[in-house]
Amino acid sequence: MNIATRESADTTQRRASQGKISVVIPVYNSSASVRLVIDGLVGALTPTGRRFEIILVDDCSPDNVWTVLRHAKEDHGSVVKIARLLKNSGQHNAILCGFSLVTGDVVVTMDDDLQNPPEEVLSLIASIDQGYDLAIGSYGSKQHSRLRNAGGGFIDSLQRRIFGLPSDFQLTSFRAIRRIVVDHAVEMGGVFPYITCMVFSHASKYTNVLVRHEPRRFGQSNYNLKRSLRLSANLILSYSSYPLYFVAGLCSLAFLFSIVFGSSVLFQAIVQGISVPGWASTIVIVSFFNALILACLLIFGIYLSRFNQQLTRRRVNYTIEELHE
């Protein structure tokens, strides 16, 4: 064996030892773009010499994206895995479904709309090879709509506060994760998953990786104000104790108010000889405290409802209708 052949063999062995790559993509209303994403990933990952797989989860999309995925499966064979969910379960549940199907050592999540260029996955994977548990793409300039950027910024600020992240740390759905972190995230379960929080719960070494973010070429974003608010509520209620802190703050303020008001009434009655305020003030005070009690009960009721759905399995994460591996 000559030197060139030996070096080539060593390079191939080193690449293979770096581990298999699994790319998970939730798919919804993207029949025009998803095939370009698949072909781009195959073109970007094949030259690396590493084994890889592309797992696409059709979240019960109303367009003909399942037909596109079937054709991609026929063309690329075992490199492509496709799953179709029985009902629309949301992006995070679709990713969780993809996590349950991965066989790689490095797991990448990305969108199906070509705003995450396929070749940029190599930069994220390189950070995992360097020893990080989690590498999240950061955009020099986000190409989302102004409304989505505002909603996403609020959600990101909550997550940074929950996990004590630096204020300039970007959180996106374009990320690479060590397999052990993914496995623990899947074990967490829960009927209201939030993938970023789930992986951060188990990752100790994380980094931002500068990647390109392209303008949307096809269609419109599936995110709107209602969905952003729902994600915010899910994040706060499932992965933080802020609602309980809010209740504690309300109770403390109510307690202080009652002490101040009660002391004022006693002072007027005993020291100044002024009669205690009557009917009107009583109604105001009772209404105020009843409103506080109802607000606290509402928050506790939401928590109990979520516990009930989790324990009774009345709501499941996802159901796979069809799977082609």
C-alpha atoms as a PDB file:
ATOM      1  CA  MET A   1       0.000   0.000   0.000  1.00  0.00           C
ATOM      2  CA  ASN A   2       1.519   3.348  -1.051  1.00  0.00           C
ATOM      3  CA  ILE A   3       1.511   6.495   1.086  1.00  0.00           C
ATOM      4  CA  ALA A   4      -1.395   8.146  -0.765  1.00  0.00           C
ATOM      5  CA  THR A   5      -3.566   5.039  -0.418  1.00  0.00           C
ATOM      6  CA  ARG A   6      -2.695   4.710   3.268  1.00  0.00           C
ATOM      7  CA  GLU A   7      -3.564   8.380   3.920  1.00  0.00           C
ATOM      8  CA  SER A   8      -6.861   7.954   2.100  1.00  0.00           C
ATOM      9  CA  ALA A   9      -7.696   4.871   4.160  1.00  0.00           C
ATOM     10  CA  ASP A  10      -6.772   6.674   7.394  1.00  0.00           C
ATOM     11  CA  THR A  11      -8.982   9.643   6.457  1.00  0.00           C
ATOM     12  CA  THR A  12     -11.933   7.378   5.691  1.00  0.00           C
ATOM     13  CA  GLN A  13     -11.503   5.498   8.967  1.00  0.00           C
ATOM     14  CA  ARG A  14     -11.245   8.733  10.946  1.00  0.00           C
ATOM     15  CA  ARG A  15     -14.408  10.101   9.376  1.00  0.00           C
ATOM     16  CA  ALA A  16     -16.288   6.882  10.041  1.00  0.00           C
ATOM     17  CA  SER A  17     -15.157   6.895  13.669  1.00  0.00           C
ATOM     18  CA  GLN A  18     -16.711  10.348  14.143  1.00  0.00           C
ATOM     19  CA  GLY A  19     -20.133   8.749  14.148  1.00  0.00           C
ATOM     20  CA  LYS A  20     -23.284   8.593  12.094  1.00  0.00           C
ATOM     21  CA  ILE A  21     -25.341  11.724  11.417  1.00  0.00           C
ATOM     22  CA  SER A  22     -29.134  11.855  11.730  1.00  0.00           C
ATOM     23  CA  VAL A  23     -31.026  14.857  10.384  1.00  0.00           C
ATOM     24  CA  VAL A  24     -34.595  15.286  11.689  1.00  0.00           C
ATOM     25  CA  ILE A  25     -36.981  17.535   9.751  1.00  0.00           C
ATOM     26  CA  PRO A  26     -40.635  18.190  10.685  1.00  0.00           C
ATOM     27  CA  VAL A  27     -42.602  18.655   7.477  1.00  0.00           C
ATOM     28  CA  TYR A  28     -45.742  20.730   7.005  1.00  0.00           C
ATOM     29  CA  ASN A  29     -47.051  22.553   3.912  1.00  0.00           C
ATOM     30  CA  SER A  30     -43.661  22.377   2.208  1.00  0.00           C
ATOM     31  CA  SER A  31     -44.217  20.317  -0.932  1.00  0.00           C
ATOM     32  CA  ALA A  32     -42.422  22.985  -2.980  1.00  0.00           C
ATOM     33  CA  SER A  33     -39.253  23.077  -0.870  1.00  0.00           C
ATOM     34  CA  VAL A  34     -38.733  19.819   1.011  1.00  0.00           C
ATOM     35  CA  ARG A  35     -37.294  17.884  -1.955  1.00  0.00           C
ATOM     36  CA  LEU A  36     -34.695  20.613  -2.453  1.00  0.00           C
ATOM     37  CA  VAL A  37     -33.797  20.310   1.234  1.00  0.00           C
ATOM     38  CA  ILE A  38     -33.372  16.528   0.949  1.00  0.00           C
ATOM     39  CA  ASP A  39     -31.242  16.702  -2.192  1.00  0.00           C
ATOM     40  CA  GLY A  40     -29.157  19.494  -0.683  1.00  0.00           C
ATOM     41  CA  LEU A  41     -28.485  17.453   2.461  1.00  0.00           C
ATOM     42  CA  VAL A  42     -27.475  14.393   0.449  1.00  0.00           C
ATOM     43  CA  GLY A  43     -25.130  16.559  -1.608  1.00  0.00           C
ATOM     44  CA  ALA A  44     -23.611  18.171   1.494  1.00  0.00           C
ATOM     45  CA  LEU A  45     -23.222  15.039   3.642  1.00  0.00           C
ATOM     46  CA  THR A  46     -22.075  12.481   1.064  1.00  0.00           C
ATOM     47  CA  PRO A  47     -18.587  14.015   0.556  1.00  0.00           C
ATOM     48  CA  THR A  48     -17.900  13.815   4.310  1.00  0.00           C
ATOM     49  CA  GLY A  49     -17.573  10.027   4.073  1.00  0.00           C
ATOM     50  CA  ARG A  50     -19.702   9.605   7.187  1.00  0.00           C
ATOM     51  CA  ARG A  51     -22.835   7.511   7.403  1.00  0.00           C
ATOM     52  CA  PHE A  52     -25.988   9.587   7.583  1.00  0.00           C
ATOM     53  CA  GLU A  53     -29.765   9.412   7.487  1.00  0.00           C
ATOM     54  CA  ILE A  54     -32.475  11.989   6.865  1.00  0.00           C
ATOM     55  CA  ILE A  55     -35.664  11.513   8.881  1.00  0.00           C
ATOM     56  CA  LEU A  56     -38.695  13.452   7.702  1.00  0.00           C
ATOM     57  CA  VAL A  57     -41.915  13.544   9.734  1.00  0.00           C
ATOM     58  CA  ASP A  58     -45.034  14.619   7.865  1.00  0.00           C
ATOM     59  CA  ASP A  59     -47.164  16.340  10.499  1.00  0.00           C
ATOM     60  CA  CYS A  60     -50.405  15.411   8.707  1.00  0.00           C
ATOM     61  CA  SER A  61     -49.781  18.143   6.154  1.00  0.00           C
ATOM     62  CA  PRO A  62     -52.822  19.116   4.035  1.00  0.00           C
ATOM     63  CA  ASP A  63     -50.795  19.435   0.798  1.00  0.00           C
ATOM     64  CA  ASN A  64     -49.234  16.638  -1.273  1.00  0.00           C
ATOM     65  CA  VAL A  65     -45.964  16.612   0.673  1.00  0.00           C
ATOM     66  CA  TRP A  66     -46.336  12.897   1.514  1.00  0.00           C
ATOM     67  CA  THR A  67     -46.184  12.067  -2.199  1.00  0.00           C
ATOM     68  CA  VAL A  68     -43.016  14.156  -2.491  1.00  0.00           C
ATOM     69  CA  LEU A  69     -41.496  12.298   0.455  1.00  0.00           C
ATOM     70  CA  ARG A  70     -42.401   8.920  -1.059  1.00  0.00           C
ATOM     71  CA  HIS A  71     -40.632   9.851  -4.288  1.00  0.00           C
ATOM     72  CA  ALA A  72     -37.567  11.044  -2.346  1.00  0.00           C
ATOM     73  CA  LYS A  73     -37.539   7.740  -0.468  1.00  0.00           C
ATOM     74  CA  GLU A  74     -37.632   5.820  -3.756  1.00  0.00           C
ATOM     75  CA  ASP A  75     -34.741   7.867  -5.167  1.00  0.00           C
ATOM     76  CA  HIS A  76     -32.439   7.862  -2.115  1.00  0.00           C
ATOM     77  CA  GLY A  77     -33.319   4.516  -0.545  1.00  0.00           C
ATOM     78  CA  SER A  78     -32.360   3.787   3.054  1.00  0.00           C
ATOM     79  CA  VAL A  79     -30.694   7.180   3.443  1.00  0.00           C
ATOM     80  CA  VAL A  80     -34.184   8.666   3.775  1.00  0.00           C
ATOM     81  CA  LYS A  81     -36.708   7.650   6.443  1.00  0.00           C
ATOM     82  CA  ILE A  82     -40.221   9.032   6.252  1.00  0.00           C
ATOM     83  CA  ALA A  83     -43.046   8.954   8.787  1.00  0.00           C
ATOM     84  CA  ARG A  84     -46.556  10.312   8.556  1.00  0.00           C
ATOM     85  CA  LEU A  85     -48.509  11.261  11.677  1.00  0.00           C
ATOM     86  CA  LEU A  86     -52.155  10.312  11.999  1.00  0.00           C
ATOM     87  CA  LYS A  87     -53.127  13.843  13.070  1.00  0.00           C
ATOM     88  CA  ASN A  88     -51.458  17.207  13.239  1.00  0.00           C
ATOM     89  CA  SER A  89     -49.461  17.244  16.485  1.00  0.00           C
ATOM     90  CA  GLY A  90     -47.300  20.352  16.135  1.00  0.00           C
ATOM     91  CA  GLN A  91     -43.671  20.950  15.269  1.00  0.00           C
ATOM     92  CA  HIS A  92     -42.232  19.913  18.627  1.00  0.00           C
ATOM     93  CA  ASN A  93     -44.099  16.616  18.709  1.00  0.00           C
ATOM     94  CA  ALA A  94     -43.049  15.928  15.113  1.00  0.00           C
ATOM     95  CA  ILE A  95     -39.405  16.468  16.102  1.00  0.00           C
ATOM     96  CA  LEU A  96     -39.900  14.226  19.126  1.00  0.00           C
ATOM     97  CA  CYS A  97     -41.227  11.543  16.784  1.00  0.00           C
ATOM     98  CA  GLY A  98     -38.102  11.955  14.647  1.00  0.00           C
ATOM     99  CA  PHE A  99     -35.918  11.663  17.746  1.00  0.00           C
ATOM    100  CA  SER A 100     -37.489   8.273  18.483  1.00  0.00           C
ATOM    101  CA  LEU A 101     -36.369   7.026  15.043  1.00  0.00           C
ATOM    102  CA  VAL A 102     -32.756   8.243  14.950  1.00  0.00           C
ATOM    103  CA  THR A 103     -29.831   5.823  14.885  1.00  0.00           C
ATOM    104  CA  GLY A 104     -27.022   8.352  14.551  1.00  0.00           C
ATOM    105  CA  ASP A 105     -24.507   9.668  17.075  1.00  0.00           C
ATOM    106  CA  VAL A 106     -25.080  13.307  16.095  1.00  0.00           C
ATOM    107  CA  VAL A 107     -28.652  14.548  15.600  1.00  0.00           C
ATOM    108  CA  VAL A 108     -29.451  17.685  13.602  1.00  0.00           C
ATOM    109  CA  THR A 109     -32.824  19.445  13.565  1.00  0.00           C
ATOM    110  CA  MET A 110     -33.732  21.924  10.854  1.00  0.00           C
ATOM    111  CA  ASP A 111     -36.719  23.420   9.048  1.00  0.00           C
ATOM    112  CA  ASP A 112     -38.211  22.263   5.774  1.00  0.00           C
ATOM    113  CA  ASP A 113     -38.466  25.663   4.056  1.00  0.00           C
ATOM    114  CA  LEU A 114     -34.856  26.147   2.818  1.00  0.00           C
ATOM    115  CA  GLN A 115     -34.274  29.045   5.197  1.00  0.00           C
ATOM    116  CA  ASN A 116     -31.688  26.748   6.819  1.00  0.00           C
ATOM    117  CA  PRO A 117     -29.202  26.057   3.982  1.00  0.00           C
ATOM    118  CA  PRO A 118     -28.410  22.297   3.934  1.00  0.00           C
ATOM    119  CA  GLU A 119     -24.646  22.844   3.661  1.00  0.00           C
ATOM    120  CA  GLU A 120     -24.632  24.747   6.967  1.00  0.00           C
ATOM    121  CA  VAL A 121     -25.264  21.504   8.898  1.00  0.00           C
ATOM    122  CA  LEU A 122     -21.548  20.776   8.528  1.00  0.00           C
ATOM    123  CA  SER A 123     -20.659  23.733  10.760  1.00  0.00           C
ATOM    124  CA  LEU A 124     -23.030  22.546  13.477  1.00  0.00           C
ATOM    125  CA  ILE A 125     -21.760  18.964  13.290  1.00  0.00           C
ATOM    126  CA  ALA A 126     -18.158  20.196  13.542  1.00  0.00           C
ATOM    127  CA  SER A 127     -18.957  21.763  16.937  1.00  0.00           C
ATOM    128  CA  ILE A 128     -20.332  18.460  18.250  1.00  0.00           C
ATOM    129  CA  ASP A 129     -17.178  16.713  17.007  1.00  0.00           C
ATOM    130  CA  GLN A 130     -15.211  19.248  19.069  1.00  0.00           C
ATOM    131  CA  GLY A 131     -16.928  18.077  22.261  1.00  0.00           C
ATOM    132  CA  TYR A 132     -20.041  20.221  22.632  1.00  0.00           C
ATOM    133  CA  ASP A 133     -23.333  18.613  23.649  1.00  0.00           C
ATOM    134  CA  LEU A 134     -25.441  21.152  21.802  1.00  0.00           C
ATOM    135  CA  ALA A 135     -24.635  23.505  18.926  1.00  0.00           C
ATOM    136  CA  ILE A 136     -27.332  26.019  17.971  1.00  0.00           C
ATOM    137  CA  GLY A 137     -27.244  28.024  14.783  1.00  0.00           C
ATOM    138  CA  SER A 138     -27.170  31.792  15.217  1.00  0.00           C
ATOM    139  CA  TYR A 139     -28.279  34.081  12.429  1.00  0.00           C
ATOM    140  CA  GLY A 140     -26.468  37.247  11.512  1.00  0.00           C
ATOM    141  CA  SER A 141     -29.800  38.490  10.209  1.00  0.00           C
ATOM    142  CA  LYS A 142     -33.110  36.695  10.686  1.00  0.00           C
ATOM    143  CA  GLN A 143     -35.204  36.563   7.533  1.00  0.00           C
ATOM    144  CA  HIS A 144     -38.521  35.952   9.317  1.00  0.00           C
ATOM    145  CA  SER A 145     -41.410  38.397   9.331  1.00  0.00           C
ATOM    146  CA  ARG A 146     -41.360  41.235  11.858  1.00  0.00           C
ATOM    147  CA  LEU A 147     -44.233  39.693  13.826  1.00  0.00           C
ATOM    148  CA  ARG A 148     -42.546  36.304  14.060  1.00  0.00           C
ATOM    149  CA  ASN A 149     -39.241  37.899  15.088  1.00  0.00           C
ATOM    150  CA  ALA A 150     -41.045  39.774  17.875  1.00  0.00           C
ATOM    151  CA  GLY A 151     -42.840  36.656  19.115  1.00  0.00           C
ATOM    152  CA  GLY A 152     -39.706  34.547  18.833  1.00  0.00           C
ATOM    153  CA  GLY A 153     -37.679  37.180  20.677  1.00  0.00           C
ATOM    154  CA  PHE A 154     -40.064  37.081  23.637  1.00  0.00           C
ATOM    155  CA  ILE A 155     -39.964  33.263  23.796  1.00  0.00           C
ATOM    156  CA  ASP A 156     -36.175  33.264  23.513  1.00  0.00           C
ATOM    157  CA  SER A 157     -35.842  35.785  26.349  1.00  0.00           C
ATOM    158  CA  LEU A 158     -37.920  33.503  28.581  1.00  0.00           C
ATOM    159  CA  GLN A 159     -35.730  30.507  27.772  1.00  0.00           C
ATOM    160  CA  ARG A 160     -32.537  32.459  28.394  1.00  0.00           C
ATOM    161  CA  ARG A 161     -33.867  33.482  31.802  1.00  0.00           C
ATOM    162  CA  ILE A 162     -35.003  29.944  32.676  1.00  0.00           C
ATOM    163  CA  PHE A 163     -31.639  28.351  31.822  1.00  0.00           C
ATOM    164  CA  GLY A 164     -29.402  31.251  32.794  1.00  0.00           C
ATOM    165  CA  LEU A 165     -28.059  31.793  29.284  1.00  0.00           C
ATOM    166  CA  PRO A 166     -26.122  34.883  28.176  1.00  0.00           C
ATOM    167  CA  SER A 167     -28.314  37.705  26.918  1.00  0.00           C
ATOM    168  CA  ASP A 168     -26.791  37.506  23.429  1.00  0.00           C
ATOM    169  CA  PHE A 169     -27.186  33.725  23.082  1.00  0.00           C
ATOM    170  CA  GLN A 170     -29.416  32.942  20.092  1.00  0.00           C
ATOM    171  CA  LEU A 171     -31.966  30.132  20.206  1.00  0.00           C
ATOM    172  CA  THR A 172     -33.132  28.667  16.908  1.00  0.00           C
ATOM    173  CA  SER A 173     -34.550  25.382  15.641  1.00  0.00           C
ATOM    174  CA  PHE A 174     -31.383  24.802  13.569  1.00  0.00           C
ATOM    175  CA  ARG A 175     -29.180  22.781  15.929  1.00  0.00           C
ATOM    176  CA  ALA A 176     -26.935  19.735  16.320  1.00  0.00           C
ATOM    177  CA  ILE A 177     -27.169  17.570  19.432  1.00  0.00           C
ATOM    178  CA  ARG A 178     -25.237  14.651  20.904  1.00  0.00           C
ATOM    179  CA  ARG A 179     -27.209  11.419  20.800  1.00  0.00           C
ATOM    180  CA  ILE A 180     -27.131  10.939  24.589  1.00  0.00           C
ATOM    181  CA  VAL A 181     -28.859  14.311  25.042  1.00  0.00           C
ATOM    182  CA  VAL A 182     -31.522  13.336  22.500  1.00  0.00           C
ATOM    183  CA  ASP A 183     -32.150  10.014  24.237  1.00  0.00           C
ATOM    184  CA  HIS A 184     -32.688  11.734  27.585  1.00  0.00           C
ATOM    185  CA  ALA A 185     -34.987  14.292  25.972  1.00  0.00           C
ATOM    186  CA  VAL A 186     -37.139  11.473  24.567  1.00  0.00           C
ATOM    187  CA  GLU A 187     -37.294   9.855  28.009  1.00  0.00           C
ATOM    188  CA  MET A 188     -38.691  13.085  29.485  1.00  0.00           C
ATOM    189  CA  GLY A 189     -41.967  12.514  27.670  1.00  0.00           C
ATOM    190  CA  GLY A 190     -44.680  14.996  28.529  1.00  0.00           C
ATOM    191  CA  VAL A 191     -47.733  15.938  26.507  1.00  0.00           C
ATOM    192  CA  PHE A 192     -46.572  19.530  26.012  1.00  0.00           C
ATOM    193  CA  PRO A 193     -42.969  19.174  24.761  1.00  0.00           C
ATOM    194  CA  TYR A 194     -40.681  22.089  23.982  1.00  0.00           C
ATOM    195  CA  ILE A 195     -37.577  20.728  22.275  1.00  0.00           C
ATOM    196  CA  THR A 196     -35.142  23.529  23.110  1.00  0.00           C
ATOM    197  CA  CYS A 197     -35.929  23.289  26.824  1.00  0.00           C
ATOM    198  CA  MET A 198     -35.762  19.502  26.740  1.00  0.00           C
ATOM    199  CA  VAL A 199     -32.268  19.395  25.244  1.00  0.00           C
ATOM    200  CA  PHE A 200     -31.006  22.231  27.443  1.00  0.00           C
ATOM    201  CA  SER A 201     -32.151  20.239  30.480  1.00  0.00           C
ATOM    202  CA  HIS A 202     -29.481  17.636  29.677  1.00  0.00           C
ATOM    203  CA  ALA A 203     -26.741  19.581  27.848  1.00  0.00           C
ATOM    204  CA  SER A 204     -23.841  20.948  29.867  1.00  0.00           C
ATOM    205  CA  LYS A 205     -21.667  22.255  27.019  1.00  0.00           C
ATOM    206  CA  TYR A 206     -23.372  24.373  24.406  1.00  0.00           C
ATOM    207  CA  THR A 207     -22.387  26.968  21.844  1.00  0.00           C
ATOM    208  CA  ASN A 208     -23.712  29.232  19.124  1.00  0.00           C
ATOM    209  CA  VAL A 209     -22.525  28.648  15.565  1.00  0.00           C
ATOM    210  CA  LEU A 210     -22.888  31.422  13.001  1.00  0.00           C
ATOM    211  CA  VAL A 211     -24.911  30.163  10.017  1.00  0.00           C
ATOM    212  CA  ARG A 212     -26.756  31.740   7.123  1.00  0.00           C
ATOM    213  CA  HIS A 213     -30.489  32.301   7.250  1.00  0.00           C
ATOM    214  CA  GLU A 214     -32.064  32.617   3.829  1.00  0.00           C
ATOM    215  CA  PRO A 215     -35.292  34.448   2.927  1.00  0.00           C
ATOM    216  CA  ARG A 216     -38.328  32.230   2.496  1.00  0.00           C
ATOM    217  CA  ARG A 217     -38.596  31.135  -1.141  1.00  0.00           C
ATOM    218  CA  PHE A 218     -41.947  29.347  -1.047  1.00  0.00           C
ATOM    219  CA  GLY A 219     -45.225  30.045   0.709  1.00  0.00           C
ATOM    220  CA  GLN A 220     -45.682  31.698   4.087  1.00  0.00           C
ATOM    221  CA  SER A 221     -44.659  30.824   7.618  1.00  0.00           C
ATOM    222  CA  ASN A 222     -47.041  28.590   9.580  1.00  0.00           C
ATOM    223  CA  TYR A 223     -46.412  30.693  12.706  1.00  0.00           C
ATOM    224  CA  ASN A 224     -48.798  33.434  13.771  1.00  0.00           C
ATOM    225  CA  LEU A 225     -49.537  35.452  16.894  1.00  0.00           C
ATOM    226  CA  LYS A 226     -51.888  32.801  18.295  1.00  0.00           C
ATOM    227  CA  ARG A 227     -49.294  30.053  17.934  1.00  0.00           C
ATOM    228  CA  SER A 228     -46.577  32.225  19.464  1.00  0.00           C
ATOM    229  CA  LEU A 229     -48.786  32.955  22.487  1.00  0.00           C
ATOM    230  CA  ARG A 230     -49.585  29.250  22.841  1.00  0.00           C
ATOM    231  CA  LEU A 231     -45.889  28.362  22.742  1.00  0.00           C
ATOM    232  CA  SER A 232     -45.151  31.048  25.333  1.00  0.00           C
ATOM    233  CA  ALA A 233     -47.825  29.670  27.665  1.00  0.00           C
ATOM    234  CA  ASN A 234     -46.535  26.129  27.161  1.00  0.00           C
ATOM    235  CA  LEU A 235     -42.980  27.226  27.891  1.00  0.00           C
ATOM    236  CA  ILE A 236     -43.919  29.117  31.057  1.00  0.00           C
ATOM    237  CA  LEU A 237     -46.259  26.475  32.463  1.00  0.00           C
ATOM    238  CA  SER A 238     -44.213  23.379  31.603  1.00  0.00           C
ATOM    239  CA  TYR A 239     -40.608  24.450  32.089  1.00  0.00           C
ATOM    240  CA  SER A 240     -40.638  27.183  34.699  1.00  0.00           C
ATOM    241  CA  SER A 241     -42.106  28.037  38.095  1.00  0.00           C
ATOM    242  CA  TYR A 242     -42.925  31.620  37.142  1.00  0.00           C
ATOM    243  CA  PRO A 243     -46.723  31.191  37.505  1.00  0.00           C
ATOM    244  CA  LEU A 244     -46.236  29.942  41.070  1.00  0.00           C
ATOM    245  CA  TYR A 245     -43.917  32.864  41.790  1.00  0.00           C
ATOM    246  CA  PHE A 246     -46.638  35.131  40.383  1.00  0.00           C
ATOM    247  CA  VAL A 247     -49.201  33.615  42.740  1.00  0.00           C
ATOM    248  CA  ALA A 248     -46.792  33.992  45.653  1.00  0.00           C
ATOM    249  CA  GLY A 249     -46.256  37.641  44.719  1.00  0.00           C
ATOM    250  CA  LEU A 250     -50.002  38.295  44.551  1.00  0.00           C
ATOM    251  CA  CYS A 251     -50.540  36.665  47.931  1.00  0.00           C
ATOM    252  CA  SER A 252     -47.738  38.715  49.483  1.00  0.00           C
ATOM    253  CA  LEU A 253     -49.118  41.958  48.080  1.00  0.00           C
ATOM    254  CA  ALA A 254     -52.613  41.064  49.273  1.00  0.00           C
ATOM    255  CA  PHE A 255     -51.283  40.257  52.734  1.00  0.00           C
ATOM    256  CA  LEU A 256     -49.416  43.570  52.935  1.00  0.00           C
ATOM    257  CA  PHE A 257     -52.476  45.437  51.678  1.00  0.00           C
ATOM    258  CA  SER A 258     -54.698  43.818  54.295  1.00  0.00           C
ATOM    259  CA  ILE A 259     -52.246  44.700  57.086  1.00  0.00           C
ATOM    260  CA  VAL A 260     -51.968  48.328  55.976  1.00  0.00           C
ATOM    261  CA  PHE A 261     -55.703  48.742  55.447  1.00  0.00           C
ATOM    262  CA  GLY A 262     -56.597  46.955  58.685  1.00  0.00           C
ATOM    263  CA  SER A 263     -54.130  49.039  60.671  1.00  0.00           C
ATOM    264  CA  SER A 264     -55.551  52.196  59.144  1.00  0.00           C
ATOM    265  CA  VAL A 265     -59.107  51.212  60.078  1.00  0.00           C
ATOM    266  CA  LEU A 266     -58.123  50.335  63.672  1.00  0.00           C
ATOM    267  CA  PHE A 267     -56.199  53.595  64.066  1.00  0.00           C
ATOM    268  CA  GLN A 268     -59.176  55.631  62.873  1.00  0.00           C
ATOM    269  CA  ALA A 269     -61.622  53.758  65.120  1.00  0.00           C
ATOM    270  CA  ILE A 270     -59.540  53.649  68.342  1.00  0.00           C
ATOM    271  CA  VAL A 271     -57.331  56.729  68.249  1.00  0.00           C
ATOM    272  CA  GLN A 272     -59.275  59.227  66.158  1.00  0.00           C
ATOM    273  CA  GLY A 273     -62.747  57.988  67.051  1.00  0.00           C
ATOM    274  CA  ILE A 274     -63.790  57.853  63.401  1.00  0.00           C
ATOM    275  CA  SER A 275     -66.379  55.247  62.530  1.00  0.00           C
ATOM    276  CA  VAL A 276     -65.199  52.226  60.574  1.00  0.00           C
ATOM    277  CA  PRO A 277     -65.946  52.534  56.811  1.00  0.00           C
ATOM    278  CA  GLY A 278     -69.106  50.673  55.932  1.00  0.00           C
ATOM    279  CA  TRP A 279     -70.861  48.896  53.097  1.00  0.00           C
ATOM    280  CA  ALA A 280     -69.102  50.371  50.049  1.00  0.00           C
ATOM    281  CA  SER A 281     -65.565  49.797  51.349  1.00  0.00           C
ATOM    282  CA  THR A 282     -66.483  46.270  52.465  1.00  0.00           C
ATOM    283  CA  ILE A 283     -67.736  45.368  48.989  1.00  0.00           C
ATOM    284  CA  VAL A 284     -64.556  46.782  47.379  1.00  0.00           C
ATOM    285  CA  ILE A 285     -62.266  44.837  49.705  1.00  0.00           C
ATOM    286  CA  VAL A 286     -64.193  41.567  49.350  1.00  0.00           C
ATOM    287  CA  SER A 287     -64.278  41.898  45.549  1.00  0.00           C
ATOM    288  CA  PHE A 288     -60.542  42.618  45.442  1.00  0.00           C
ATOM    289  CA  PHE A 289     -59.577  39.570  47.464  1.00  0.00           C
ATOM    290  CA  ASN A 290     -62.040  37.324  45.659  1.00  0.00           C
ATOM    291  CA  ALA A 291     -60.483  38.353  42.348  1.00  0.00           C
ATOM    292  CA  LEU A 292     -57.053  37.431  43.684  1.00  0.00           C
ATOM    293  CA  ILE A 293     -58.326  34.061  44.887  1.00  0.00           C
ATOM    294  CA  LEU A 294     -59.927  33.304  41.521  1.00  0.00           C
ATOM    295  CA  ALA A 295     -56.720  34.254  39.665  1.00  0.00           C
ATOM    296  CA  CYS A 296     -54.699  31.893  41.866  1.00  0.00           C
ATOM    297  CA  LEU A 297     -57.249  29.095  41.450  1.00  0.00           C
ATOM    298  CA  LEU A 298     -57.151  29.559  37.663  1.00  0.00           C
ATOM    299  CA  ILE A 299     -53.377  29.084  37.568  1.00  0.00           C
ATOM    300  CA  PHE A 300     -53.572  26.030  39.817  1.00  0.00           C
ATOM    301  CA  GLY A 301     -56.424  24.685  37.667  1.00  0.00           C
ATOM    302  CA  ILE A 302     -54.273  24.918  34.540  1.00  0.00           C
ATOM    303  CA  TYR A 303     -51.521  22.958  36.275  1.00  0.00           C
ATOM    304  CA  LEU A 304     -54.002  20.309  37.450  1.00  0.00           C
ATOM    305  CA  SER A 305     -55.443  19.990  33.946  1.00  0.00           C
ATOM    306  CA  ARG A 306     -51.965  19.376  32.542  1.00  0.00           C
ATOM    307  CA  PHE A 307     -51.200  16.811  35.232  1.00  0.00           C
ATOM    308  CA  ASN A 308     -54.469  15.039  34.451  1.00  0.00           C
ATOM    309  CA  GLN A 309     -53.709  14.862  30.733  1.00  0.00           C
ATOM    310  CA  GLN A 310     -50.264  13.496  31.520  1.00  0.00           C
ATOM    311  CA  LEU A 311     -51.444  10.856  33.995  1.00  0.00           C
ATOM    312  CA  THR A 312     -54.515   9.661  32.106  1.00  0.00           C
ATOM    313  CA  ARG A 313     -52.799   9.814  28.695  1.00  0.00           C
ATOM    314  CA  ARG A 314     -55.921  11.543  27.431  1.00  0.00           C
ATOM    315  CA  ARG A 315     -53.621  13.537  25.175  1.00  0.00           C
ATOM    316  CA  VAL A 316     -50.773  11.742  23.404  1.00  0.00           C
ATOM    317  CA  ASN A 317     -47.740  13.315  21.764  1.00  0.00           C
ATOM    318  CA  TYR A 318     -48.159  11.771  18.337  1.00  0.00           C
ATOM    319  CA  THR A 319     -49.395   8.665  16.512  1.00  0.00           C
ATOM    320  CA  ILE A 320     -47.514   7.344  13.494  1.00  0.00           C
ATOM    321  CA  GLU A 321     -49.897   6.379  10.700  1.00  0.00           C
ATOM    322  CA  GLU A 322     -47.284   5.222   8.180  1.00  0.00           C
ATOM    323  CA  LEU A 323     -43.532   4.630   8.416  1.00  0.00           C
ATOM    324  CA  HIS A 324     -40.975   3.776   5.723  1.00  0.00           C
ATOM    325  CA  GLU A 325     -37.460   3.065   6.923  1.00  0.00           C
END
